[in-house]
Amino acid sequence: MSAVLDLSAAPSLRPVWVPNPGPQTLLVTCPIWDVLYGGARGGGKTDGLLGDFIGFSIRIGQAKENPAAWPGEQLRPQAHARGLIVRRTYDELDEAVARSHEILGPLNARWVPSKYTWQLPWGGFLKMRYLQRDADAARYQGHSYNWLAVDEAGNFPSPDPIKKLTATLRDRNGVPVRKRMSANPGGPGHGWLKADYVDPATPGSVHLDPDTGLPRVYIPSKLTDNLALQINDPGYATRLRGSGPAWLVQAWLNGDWNAAPEGGIIRAAWLRRYVELPDPPVAFMRVHSWDTAYKAAQHNDPSVLTDWTAATAANGKPPGFYLRNVFRERMTYPDLKRRVIEFAERDNPDAILIEDKASGQSLLQELRNDTSLPIIAIEPDGDKVTRALRVTPVMEAGRVYVPERAAWLLDYELELTLFPTKGVHDDQVDSTTQALDWMRVHAARGFTFASSGQQRAGNDAPGGGRSTETSTGWGTVSGGTDTSGFM
């Protein structure tokens, strides 16, 4: 919420929104084309983006000569503003649309509900859209905009769909294009936003995109910068302090991008980082670990695949278990079966672990009957907490590695470190503990395989340990349960 000012310098315009002093004013007057705005919750991010578009639309005719002219003098509305603002989900977009009516309505802009588009009275438009799936960004190929905003960009685990949208920024009328994003720390996109915008330079300082060489800047905002919210809702900060774990409150209240989760069974500091995966023969075993769920409804747990490489100590690479990728999606049973086969054909894993419980029993049976995949049924031994405690020594010893950067990484680390009392889901935890518990026993150094000469795992023998049963096409496991080099 912001004050309203009668822009007497522009008599053709009715009273409109005007930015709060500080970060909001810096945003709407910033001449840099690529800006990340925000930090703390309640910092006026959505207002800032909508206000930035208003300012952009009425000053584009003079932007090159006087980029800080709004609010101010010589306002000359133009007919060439073509804006697009996106959010991750429909529910988030609905909130932004409601606020846009309060800000754009006084300008006599016309809302077209069937197209989720504002038509400006002096020409130009602002489309409001949501991207529930990253692939939806491809629908905008061929579109042309000169102003793009991503509200709550931290809800995008990967920058890829945003990069696709950025390709639509172009203008045939000589209008300088603008890209604006807002975000809080602590979301799925925390990692890439921090790496691309927050870490390279001090807040407010321009730095260059290493890939394009174009300038970008991070403008932080805090709750204390939104005076209207503090006056109208003085209890907001107090409620925020009770909304989650201490690290998340620190991130939301102060816009602290360095706040990290701690506590629970698994500590974030135990996870090591890698830049490049070990190569064969150092990386000698690849394991797929599935935590299955069959219902596709939004409220049900998703099915999860964690994809691992077990590596010995050689060629300067440390021994341990390297997490290559995480796949997480709500699926029906036919889709789940198809995905298991699809990923196995792509990655050629040495073992595919599926828990032998109600949701996995039919999948195990069908995959064994219909395919020659190296399917291994895992009998749950103890509850979720017990299974996690069994593998924490491997983590604490520094033998579990995650990539330096991945779209799914923050969400994965949050779930692990908030388990078992503070997290909403535990499917990634289950997949991880299942994989580590199996690999710490079976991924022993010196495995050889009789049938192919390659290092592959056959079907697990009852009770674990070694197997002497040949699995056609996959070989016979010879070797004990030695875990030297891993613990």
Protein backbone atom coordinates (compact mmCIF):
# COMPACT_ATOMS: atom_id res chain seq x y z
CA MET A 1 0.00 0.00 0.00
CA SER A 2 1.28 3.43 -0.93
CA ALA A 3 0.20 7.01 -0.76
CA VAL A 4 -1.82 8.65 -3.54
CA LEU A 5 -0.57 11.77 -5.23
CA ASP A 6 -2.34 14.13 -7.64
CA LEU A 7 0.10 14.40 -10.51
CA SER A 8 -0.72 17.99 -11.43
CA ALA A 9 2.02 17.91 -14.05
CA ALA A 10 -0.16 15.50 -15.99
CA PRO A 11 -3.72 16.88 -15.90
CA SER A 12 -4.92 14.20 -18.31
CA LEU A 13 -4.25 11.58 -15.61
CA ARG A 14 -6.35 11.04 -12.52
CA PRO A 15 -4.70 10.53 -9.12
CA VAL A 16 -2.50 7.46 -9.22
CA TRP A 17 -0.20 5.35 -7.05
CA VAL A 18 3.15 6.88 -6.16
CA PRO A 19 6.12 4.98 -4.72
CA ASN A 20 7.16 5.04 -1.09
CA PRO A 21 10.46 6.83 -0.42
CA GLY A 22 13.43 4.52 -0.55
CA PRO A 23 13.54 1.20 -2.45
CA GLN A 24 10.22 1.61 -4.29
CA THR A 25 11.31 4.98 -5.63
CA LEU A 26 14.69 3.51 -6.59
CA LEU A 27 12.90 0.78 -8.50
CA VAL A 28 10.56 2.95 -10.55
CA THR A 29 13.33 5.41 -11.42
CA CYS A 30 16.07 2.84 -12.08
CA PRO A 31 17.47 3.09 -15.63
CA ILE A 32 19.06 -0.39 -15.47
CA TRP A 33 17.13 -2.78 -17.66
CA ASP A 34 17.34 -5.86 -15.37
CA VAL A 35 16.40 -5.42 -11.68
CA LEU A 36 15.72 -7.82 -8.81
CA TYR A 37 13.62 -6.04 -6.20
CA GLY A 38 12.70 -7.24 -2.74
CA GLY A 39 14.06 -9.29 0.10
CA ALA A 40 11.83 -9.11 3.17
CA ARG A 41 8.15 -9.99 3.15
CA GLY A 42 5.88 -6.97 3.29
CA GLY A 43 8.37 -4.79 1.43
CA GLY A 44 5.84 -3.69 -1.19
CA LYS A 45 7.08 -5.89 -4.04
CA THR A 46 3.86 -6.29 -6.04
CA ASP A 47 3.03 -2.60 -5.64
CA GLY A 48 6.52 -1.74 -6.80
CA LEU A 49 6.19 -3.78 -9.99
CA LEU A 50 2.75 -2.40 -10.87
CA GLY A 51 3.93 1.13 -10.16
CA ASP A 52 7.03 0.56 -12.26
CA PHE A 53 4.85 -0.38 -15.21
CA ILE A 54 2.75 2.78 -14.80
CA GLY A 55 5.87 4.88 -14.74
CA PHE A 56 7.30 3.00 -17.71
CA SER A 57 4.13 3.43 -19.76
CA ILE A 58 3.94 7.22 -19.28
CA ARG A 59 7.60 8.01 -19.73
CA ILE A 60 8.85 5.76 -22.52
CA GLY A 61 8.94 8.66 -24.93
CA GLN A 62 11.65 10.36 -22.88
CA ALA A 63 13.31 7.41 -21.08
CA LYS A 64 16.67 7.82 -22.78
CA GLU A 65 16.91 11.52 -22.01
CA ASN A 66 15.44 11.57 -18.51
CA PRO A 67 14.96 8.08 -17.00
CA ALA A 68 14.04 9.52 -13.57
CA ALA A 69 11.24 11.72 -14.84
CA TRP A 70 8.46 9.82 -13.11
CA PRO A 71 7.04 10.98 -10.81
CA GLY A 72 7.98 14.48 -11.87
CA GLU A 73 7.75 16.77 -14.88
CA GLN A 74 7.00 16.51 -18.58
CA LEU A 75 4.88 13.38 -18.37
CA ARG A 76 3.97 12.28 -21.88
CA PRO A 77 1.84 9.12 -22.01
CA GLN A 78 2.74 6.87 -24.94
CA ALA A 79 0.80 4.23 -26.82
CA HIS A 80 3.64 1.72 -27.12
CA ALA A 81 3.79 0.13 -23.67
CA ARG A 82 3.41 -3.65 -23.97
CA GLY A 83 3.77 -5.28 -20.57
CA LEU A 84 3.65 -8.84 -19.21
CA ILE A 85 3.64 -9.72 -15.50
CA VAL A 86 3.73 -13.36 -14.42
CA ARG A 87 3.44 -15.34 -11.22
CA ARG A 88 4.05 -19.02 -10.58
CA THR A 89 0.49 -20.12 -9.73
CA TYR A 90 -3.07 -19.02 -10.38
CA ASP A 91 -3.70 -18.32 -6.69
CA GLU A 92 -0.69 -15.99 -6.53
CA LEU A 93 -1.79 -14.26 -9.72
CA ASP A 94 -5.29 -13.71 -8.32
CA GLU A 95 -3.80 -11.71 -5.46
CA ALA A 96 -1.78 -9.56 -7.86
CA VAL A 97 -4.84 -8.98 -10.04
CA ALA A 98 -6.83 -7.74 -7.05
CA ARG A 99 -4.12 -5.22 -6.21
CA SER A 100 -3.84 -4.13 -9.84
CA HIS A 101 -7.51 -3.05 -9.76
CA GLU A 102 -6.70 -0.67 -6.90
CA ILE A 103 -3.71 0.82 -8.69
CA LEU A 104 -4.70 0.80 -12.38
CA GLY A 105 -8.42 1.41 -11.85
CA PRO A 106 -8.01 5.13 -11.00
CA LEU A 107 -6.21 5.58 -14.31
CA ASN A 108 -9.35 4.55 -16.21
CA ALA A 109 -7.55 1.49 -17.48
CA ARG A 110 -9.98 -1.17 -18.74
CA TRP A 111 -9.78 -4.70 -17.37
CA VAL A 112 -10.55 -7.47 -19.90
CA PRO A 113 -11.26 -10.49 -17.66
CA SER A 114 -11.41 -13.03 -20.48
CA LYS A 115 -7.83 -12.17 -21.42
CA TYR A 116 -6.49 -11.17 -17.99
CA THR A 117 -5.30 -7.96 -19.60
CA TRP A 118 -5.37 -4.25 -18.74
CA GLN A 119 -5.94 -1.86 -21.67
CA LEU A 120 -4.44 1.53 -20.89
CA PRO A 121 -6.55 4.60 -21.80
CA TRP A 122 -3.65 6.18 -23.70
CA GLY A 123 -2.80 2.95 -25.55
CA GLY A 124 -0.72 -0.06 -24.64
CA PHE A 125 -1.55 -3.01 -22.41
CA LEU A 126 -0.46 -5.10 -19.43
CA LYS A 127 -1.06 -8.85 -19.54
CA MET A 128 -1.19 -10.81 -16.27
CA ARG A 129 -0.39 -14.52 -16.52
CA TYR A 130 0.77 -17.50 -14.47
CA LEU A 131 3.22 -20.29 -15.33
CA GLN A 132 2.24 -23.43 -13.46
CA ARG A 133 4.64 -25.50 -15.54
CA ASP A 134 8.03 -24.35 -16.73
CA ALA A 135 7.24 -25.62 -20.23
CA ASP A 136 4.37 -23.10 -20.44
CA ALA A 137 6.94 -20.39 -21.13
CA ALA A 138 7.35 -21.85 -24.63
CA ARG A 139 3.84 -20.62 -25.47
CA TYR A 140 5.16 -17.07 -25.57
CA GLN A 141 7.49 -17.68 -28.50
CA GLY A 142 6.73 -15.06 -31.11
CA HIS A 143 5.27 -12.60 -28.58
CA SER A 144 6.76 -9.14 -28.29
CA TYR A 145 6.91 -7.06 -25.10
CA ASN A 146 8.98 -4.12 -23.92
CA TRP A 147 8.30 -4.55 -20.18
CA LEU A 148 8.44 -7.89 -18.36
CA ALA A 149 7.99 -8.57 -14.65
CA VAL A 150 8.18 -11.80 -12.68
CA ASP A 151 6.47 -11.35 -9.31
CA GLU A 152 7.68 -13.73 -6.57
CA ALA A 153 10.47 -15.08 -8.77
CA GLY A 154 11.71 -17.08 -5.79
CA ASN A 155 8.88 -19.56 -6.41
CA PHE A 156 10.54 -20.61 -9.67
CA PRO A 157 13.05 -23.38 -8.85
CA SER A 158 14.83 -22.78 -12.16
CA PRO A 159 15.53 -19.58 -14.11
CA ASP A 160 14.92 -21.40 -17.40
CA PRO A 161 11.26 -20.38 -17.96
CA ILE A 162 12.14 -16.79 -17.06
CA LYS A 163 14.97 -16.85 -19.59
CA LYS A 164 12.51 -18.03 -22.23
CA LEU A 165 10.19 -15.15 -21.39
CA THR A 166 13.10 -12.70 -21.53
CA ALA A 167 13.52 -13.63 -25.19
CA THR A 168 10.18 -11.87 -25.86
CA LEU A 169 11.63 -8.47 -24.86
CA ARG A 170 12.03 -6.51 -28.07
CA ASP A 171 10.60 -3.30 -29.51
CA ARG A 172 10.33 -1.95 -33.04
CA ASN A 173 9.58 1.62 -31.87
CA GLY A 174 12.89 2.25 -30.15
CA VAL A 175 11.44 1.85 -26.66
CA PRO A 176 14.12 0.66 -24.20
CA VAL A 177 13.03 -2.70 -22.80
CA ARG A 178 12.77 -3.42 -19.08
CA LYS A 179 12.90 -6.62 -16.98
CA ARG A 180 11.82 -6.55 -13.34
CA MET A 181 11.67 -9.37 -10.77
CA SER A 182 10.60 -9.48 -7.14
CA ALA A 183 11.52 -12.19 -4.64
CA ASN A 184 11.94 -13.20 -1.02
CA PRO A 185 14.77 -15.44 0.18
CA GLY A 186 13.93 -18.94 1.32
CA GLY A 187 11.95 -20.19 -1.69
CA PRO A 188 12.75 -22.85 -4.31
CA GLY A 189 14.55 -20.26 -6.43
CA HIS A 190 16.69 -18.94 -3.57
CA GLY A 191 19.90 -20.47 -4.95
CA TRP A 192 19.91 -19.07 -8.48
CA LEU A 193 18.60 -15.64 -7.43
CA LYS A 194 21.27 -15.30 -4.77
CA ALA A 195 24.00 -16.43 -7.17
CA ASP A 196 22.87 -14.25 -10.09
CA TYR A 197 21.74 -11.04 -8.37
CA VAL A 198 22.63 -10.86 -4.67
CA ASP A 199 26.17 -12.22 -4.38
CA PRO A 200 27.99 -10.59 -7.34
CA ALA A 201 27.84 -7.01 -5.95
CA THR A 202 26.72 -5.00 -2.96
CA PRO A 203 23.00 -4.09 -3.00
CA GLY A 204 22.29 -1.19 -5.32
CA SER A 205 25.55 -1.65 -7.23
CA VAL A 206 25.39 -2.52 -10.90
CA HIS A 207 27.14 -5.68 -12.05
CA LEU A 208 27.27 -7.45 -15.40
CA ASP A 209 25.61 -10.69 -16.37
CA PRO A 210 28.61 -13.00 -17.05
CA ASP A 211 26.82 -14.61 -20.01
CA THR A 212 25.45 -11.53 -21.79
CA GLY A 213 27.58 -8.70 -20.41
CA LEU A 214 24.40 -6.70 -19.77
CA PRO A 215 23.94 -4.75 -16.51
CA ARG A 216 21.75 -5.92 -13.67
CA VAL A 217 21.16 -4.72 -10.11
CA TYR A 218 19.62 -5.92 -6.85
CA ILE A 219 17.49 -3.37 -4.93
CA PRO A 220 16.69 -4.70 -1.44
CA SER A 221 13.52 -3.76 0.42
CA LYS A 222 12.54 -4.43 4.02
CA LEU A 223 9.33 -4.30 5.98
CA THR A 224 10.50 -1.02 7.52
CA ASP A 225 10.48 0.51 4.02
CA ASN A 226 6.72 -0.06 3.73
CA LEU A 227 5.44 2.61 6.12
CA ALA A 228 1.81 2.21 5.04
CA LEU A 229 1.78 -1.48 5.98
CA GLN A 230 3.38 -0.78 9.35
CA ILE A 231 0.78 1.88 10.12
CA ASN A 232 -2.25 -0.03 8.84
CA ASP A 233 -1.18 -3.46 10.20
CA PRO A 234 1.21 -2.93 13.14
CA GLY A 235 0.96 -6.59 14.19
CA TYR A 236 2.29 -7.96 10.89
CA ALA A 237 5.93 -8.16 12.01
CA THR A 238 4.95 -9.95 15.22
CA ARG A 239 2.91 -12.52 13.32
CA LEU A 240 5.78 -12.99 10.88
CA ARG A 241 8.11 -13.88 13.75
CA GLY A 242 5.87 -16.79 14.61
CA SER A 243 5.36 -18.05 11.06
CA GLY A 244 8.22 -20.55 10.82
CA PRO A 245 11.66 -21.69 11.94
CA ALA A 246 14.13 -19.04 13.10
CA TRP A 247 16.23 -19.08 9.96
CA LEU A 248 13.17 -18.54 7.73
CA VAL A 249 11.87 -15.72 9.92
CA GLN A 250 15.30 -14.10 9.65
CA ALA A 251 15.14 -14.41 5.87
CA TRP A 252 11.61 -13.04 5.59
CA LEU A 253 11.81 -10.30 8.22
CA ASN A 254 15.20 -8.87 7.26
CA GLY A 255 15.55 -10.04 3.67
CA ASP A 256 18.60 -12.09 4.68
CA TRP A 257 19.71 -14.23 1.74
CA ASN A 258 22.39 -15.88 3.89
CA ALA A 259 19.95 -17.30 6.45
CA ALA A 260 20.01 -21.09 6.38
CA PRO A 261 17.95 -23.83 7.99
CA GLU A 262 19.39 -25.74 10.95
CA GLY A 263 18.14 -28.23 13.49
CA GLY A 264 16.33 -31.52 13.14
CA ILE A 265 18.12 -34.77 12.37
CA ILE A 266 20.09 -33.68 9.30
CA ARG A 267 22.31 -30.60 9.26
CA ALA A 268 22.89 -28.54 6.12
CA ALA A 269 26.60 -28.27 6.96
CA TRP A 270 27.01 -32.03 6.57
CA LEU A 271 26.26 -31.93 2.83
CA ARG A 272 29.36 -31.46 0.68
CA ARG A 273 29.36 -29.73 -2.72
CA TYR A 274 30.71 -30.87 -6.05
CA VAL A 275 31.20 -29.05 -9.34
CA GLU A 276 31.91 -32.06 -11.57
CA LEU A 277 30.84 -35.65 -11.11
CA PRO A 278 33.52 -38.35 -10.80
CA ASP A 279 34.16 -40.23 -14.03
CA PRO A 280 34.44 -44.02 -14.44
CA PRO A 281 36.12 -46.10 -13.14
CA VAL A 282 36.01 -43.87 -10.05
CA ALA A 283 32.23 -43.53 -10.41
CA PHE A 284 31.38 -47.23 -10.48
CA MET A 285 27.74 -47.52 -9.51
CA ARG A 286 24.62 -45.56 -10.40
CA VAL A 287 21.47 -45.97 -8.34
CA HIS A 288 17.89 -44.79 -8.81
CA SER A 289 15.87 -44.56 -5.60
CA TRP A 290 12.09 -44.14 -5.88
CA ASP A 291 9.63 -43.03 -3.23
CA THR A 292 6.27 -43.75 -4.83
CA ALA A 293 2.80 -42.25 -4.55
CA TYR A 294 -0.02 -42.93 -6.96
CA LYS A 295 -2.46 -40.05 -6.65
CA ALA A 296 -2.03 -36.96 -8.78
CA ALA A 297 -4.14 -34.58 -6.66
CA GLN A 298 -2.35 -31.44 -5.45
CA HIS A 299 -2.75 -32.35 -1.77
CA ASN A 300 -1.16 -35.80 -2.15
CA ASP A 301 2.54 -36.43 -1.76
CA PRO A 302 4.49 -36.53 -5.01
CA SER A 303 6.58 -39.44 -6.24
CA VAL A 304 10.30 -38.77 -6.02
CA LEU A 305 13.38 -40.11 -7.78
CA THR A 306 16.81 -39.37 -6.38
CA ASP A 307 19.57 -40.30 -8.82
CA TRP A 308 22.95 -41.22 -7.25
CA THR A 309 26.50 -42.12 -8.19
CA ALA A 310 28.69 -44.03 -5.73
CA ALA A 311 32.39 -43.26 -6.17
CA THR A 312 35.61 -44.71 -4.79
CA ALA A 313 38.63 -42.68 -3.68
CA ALA A 314 40.81 -42.34 -6.79
CA ASN A 315 42.11 -39.78 -9.28
CA GLY A 316 41.88 -37.03 -6.68
CA LYS A 317 38.13 -37.47 -6.25
CA PRO A 318 36.89 -38.01 -2.69
CA PRO A 319 34.91 -41.19 -2.01
CA GLY A 320 31.23 -40.88 -1.34
CA PHE A 321 27.71 -40.75 -2.66
CA TYR A 322 26.98 -38.04 -5.24
CA LEU A 323 23.40 -36.86 -5.77
CA ARG A 324 23.07 -36.24 -9.51
CA ASN A 325 19.45 -35.21 -9.87
CA VAL A 326 16.05 -35.08 -8.18
CA PHE A 327 12.75 -35.61 -9.97
CA ARG A 328 9.57 -34.84 -8.02
CA GLU A 329 6.06 -34.89 -9.44
CA ARG A 330 2.50 -35.91 -8.57
CA MET A 331 1.53 -38.71 -10.93
CA THR A 332 -1.06 -41.38 -11.53
CA TYR A 333 0.11 -44.99 -11.54
CA PRO A 334 0.47 -45.34 -15.35
CA ASP A 335 2.54 -42.16 -15.48
CA LEU A 336 4.70 -43.34 -12.59
CA LYS A 337 5.48 -46.66 -14.27
CA ARG A 338 6.27 -44.90 -17.52
CA ARG A 339 8.63 -42.49 -15.74
CA VAL A 340 10.52 -45.28 -13.98
CA ILE A 341 11.15 -46.99 -17.32
CA GLU A 342 11.91 -43.72 -19.12
CA PHE A 343 14.55 -42.60 -16.62
CA ALA A 344 16.07 -46.09 -16.46
CA GLU A 345 16.46 -46.21 -20.25
CA ARG A 346 18.05 -42.78 -20.19
CA ASP A 347 20.47 -43.29 -17.28
CA ASN A 348 21.14 -47.05 -17.43
CA PRO A 349 21.32 -47.39 -13.62
CA ASP A 350 22.92 -50.37 -11.92
CA ALA A 351 20.10 -50.63 -9.38
CA ILE A 352 16.55 -49.28 -9.11
CA LEU A 353 15.29 -49.20 -5.53
CA ILE A 354 11.56 -49.25 -4.84
CA GLU A 355 10.10 -49.65 -1.38
CA ASP A 356 8.09 -52.85 -1.03
CA LYS A 357 5.03 -51.31 0.55
CA ALA A 358 1.41 -50.83 -0.49
CA SER A 359 2.10 -48.10 -3.05
CA GLY A 360 5.10 -49.90 -4.54
CA GLN A 361 4.14 -53.56 -4.58
CA SER A 362 2.18 -53.54 -7.82
CA LEU A 363 4.86 -51.39 -9.46
CA LEU A 364 7.57 -53.85 -8.40
CA GLN A 365 5.60 -56.81 -9.74
CA GLU A 366 4.81 -55.23 -13.11
CA LEU A 367 8.32 -53.91 -13.70
CA ARG A 368 9.82 -57.32 -12.93
CA ASN A 369 7.34 -59.06 -15.22
CA ASP A 370 7.46 -56.55 -18.09
CA THR A 371 11.09 -55.39 -18.13
CA SER A 372 14.64 -56.61 -17.51
CA LEU A 373 15.44 -53.59 -15.35
CA PRO A 374 17.55 -54.15 -12.20
CA ILE A 375 14.62 -53.72 -9.82
CA ILE A 376 15.37 -54.15 -6.11
CA ALA A 377 12.59 -54.33 -3.53
CA ILE A 378 13.40 -52.54 -0.31
CA GLU A 379 11.77 -53.80 2.87
CA PRO A 380 11.22 -50.84 5.25
CA ASP A 381 13.21 -51.39 8.45
CA GLY A 382 11.88 -49.10 11.15
CA ASP A 383 10.00 -45.83 10.88
CA LYS A 384 11.09 -42.79 8.88
CA VAL A 385 13.08 -41.25 11.72
CA THR A 386 14.89 -44.51 12.47
CA ARG A 387 15.87 -44.90 8.82
CA ALA A 388 17.14 -41.32 8.71
CA LEU A 389 19.19 -41.78 11.88
CA ARG A 390 20.78 -44.87 10.37
CA VAL A 391 22.35 -42.88 7.52
CA THR A 392 23.19 -39.61 9.29
CA PRO A 393 26.70 -40.91 10.15
CA VAL A 394 27.40 -41.14 6.42
CA MET A 395 26.29 -37.51 6.00
CA GLU A 396 28.08 -36.25 9.08
CA ALA A 397 31.28 -37.92 7.86
CA GLY A 398 31.11 -35.75 4.73
CA ARG A 399 30.42 -38.61 2.32
CA VAL A 400 27.24 -37.19 0.75
CA TYR A 401 27.71 -34.69 -2.08
CA VAL A 402 25.15 -32.43 -3.75
CA PRO A 403 25.75 -30.21 -6.79
CA GLU A 404 27.07 -26.71 -6.31
CA ARG A 405 24.01 -25.46 -8.13
CA ALA A 406 20.73 -27.03 -9.25
CA ALA A 407 17.17 -25.83 -9.71
CA TRP A 408 15.86 -28.36 -7.19
CA LEU A 409 18.67 -27.98 -4.62
CA LEU A 410 17.17 -25.51 -2.14
CA ASP A 411 13.85 -27.32 -1.96
CA TYR A 412 15.74 -30.59 -1.40
CA GLU A 413 17.95 -29.16 1.35
CA LEU A 414 14.99 -27.53 3.08
CA GLU A 415 13.07 -30.78 3.25
CA LEU A 416 16.07 -32.70 4.61
CA THR A 417 16.99 -30.13 7.24
CA LEU A 418 13.42 -29.47 8.41
CA PHE A 419 12.67 -33.18 8.84
CA PRO A 420 11.00 -34.60 10.91
CA THR A 421 9.04 -31.92 12.77
CA LYS A 422 8.87 -28.79 10.61
CA GLY A 423 8.61 -29.94 7.01
CA VAL A 424 5.40 -30.28 4.99
CA HIS A 425 6.62 -33.28 2.95
CA ASP A 426 9.16 -36.03 3.55
CA ASP A 427 9.19 -37.85 0.20
CA GLN A 428 12.66 -36.60 -0.75
CA VAL A 429 13.90 -37.65 2.70
CA ASP A 430 12.50 -41.16 2.19
CA SER A 431 14.08 -41.53 -1.24
CA THR A 432 17.43 -40.28 0.08
CA THR A 433 17.60 -42.45 3.19
CA GLN A 434 16.54 -45.49 1.14
CA ALA A 435 19.38 -44.86 -1.33
CA LEU A 436 22.06 -44.17 1.25
CA ASP A 437 21.09 -47.11 3.43
CA TRP A 438 21.32 -49.48 0.47
CA MET A 439 24.48 -48.00 -1.03
CA ARG A 440 26.45 -47.92 2.20
CA VAL A 441 26.09 -51.71 2.30
CA HIS A 442 26.28 -52.65 -1.38
CA ALA A 443 28.43 -49.95 -2.98
CA ALA A 444 31.63 -51.52 -1.68
CA ARG A 445 34.96 -50.98 -3.36
CA GLY A 446 36.12 -53.78 -5.63
CA PHE A 447 32.78 -55.01 -6.99
CA THR A 448 33.17 -57.18 -10.09
CA PHE A 449 30.44 -58.58 -12.27
CA ALA A 450 30.78 -61.93 -13.96
CA SER A 451 28.53 -61.76 -17.00
CA SER A 452 29.62 -58.54 -18.67
CA GLY A 453 32.85 -57.54 -17.02
CA GLN A 454 31.25 -54.19 -16.27
CA GLN A 455 30.55 -52.85 -12.84
CA ARG A 456 26.83 -53.39 -12.47
CA ALA A 457 24.57 -54.52 -9.67
CA GLY A 458 22.30 -57.53 -9.94
CA ASN A 459 19.13 -58.23 -8.02
CA ASP A 460 19.55 -57.96 -4.30
CA ALA A 461 19.67 -61.21 -2.38
CA PRO A 462 17.22 -61.77 0.47
CA GLY A 463 18.48 -60.11 3.59
CA GLY A 464 21.07 -57.96 1.80
CA GLY A 465 24.79 -58.68 1.75
CA ARG A 466 26.10 -60.58 -1.26
CA SER A 467 24.16 -62.22 -4.03
CA THR A 468 25.11 -65.26 -6.09
CA GLU A 469 22.00 -65.26 -8.24
CA THR A 470 22.65 -64.32 -11.84
CA SER A 471 20.35 -61.68 -13.30
CA THR A 472 20.48 -62.09 -17.07
CA GLY A 473 21.97 -59.04 -18.68
CA TRP A 474 22.96 -57.52 -15.38
CA GLY A 475 25.59 -59.87 -14.00
CA THR A 476 26.40 -61.54 -10.73
CA VAL A 477 27.45 -59.50 -7.75
CA SER A 478 30.60 -60.77 -6.11
CA GLY A 479 31.89 -58.94 -3.12
CA GLY A 480 31.06 -58.40 0.51
CA THR A 481 29.55 -55.61 2.49
CA ASP A 482 32.82 -53.73 3.03
CA THR A 483 32.14 -50.02 3.23
CA SER A 484 35.75 -48.88 3.38
CA GLY A 485 36.24 -45.76 1.35
CA PHE A 486 32.73 -44.57 2.13
CA MET A 487 32.47 -44.18 5.90
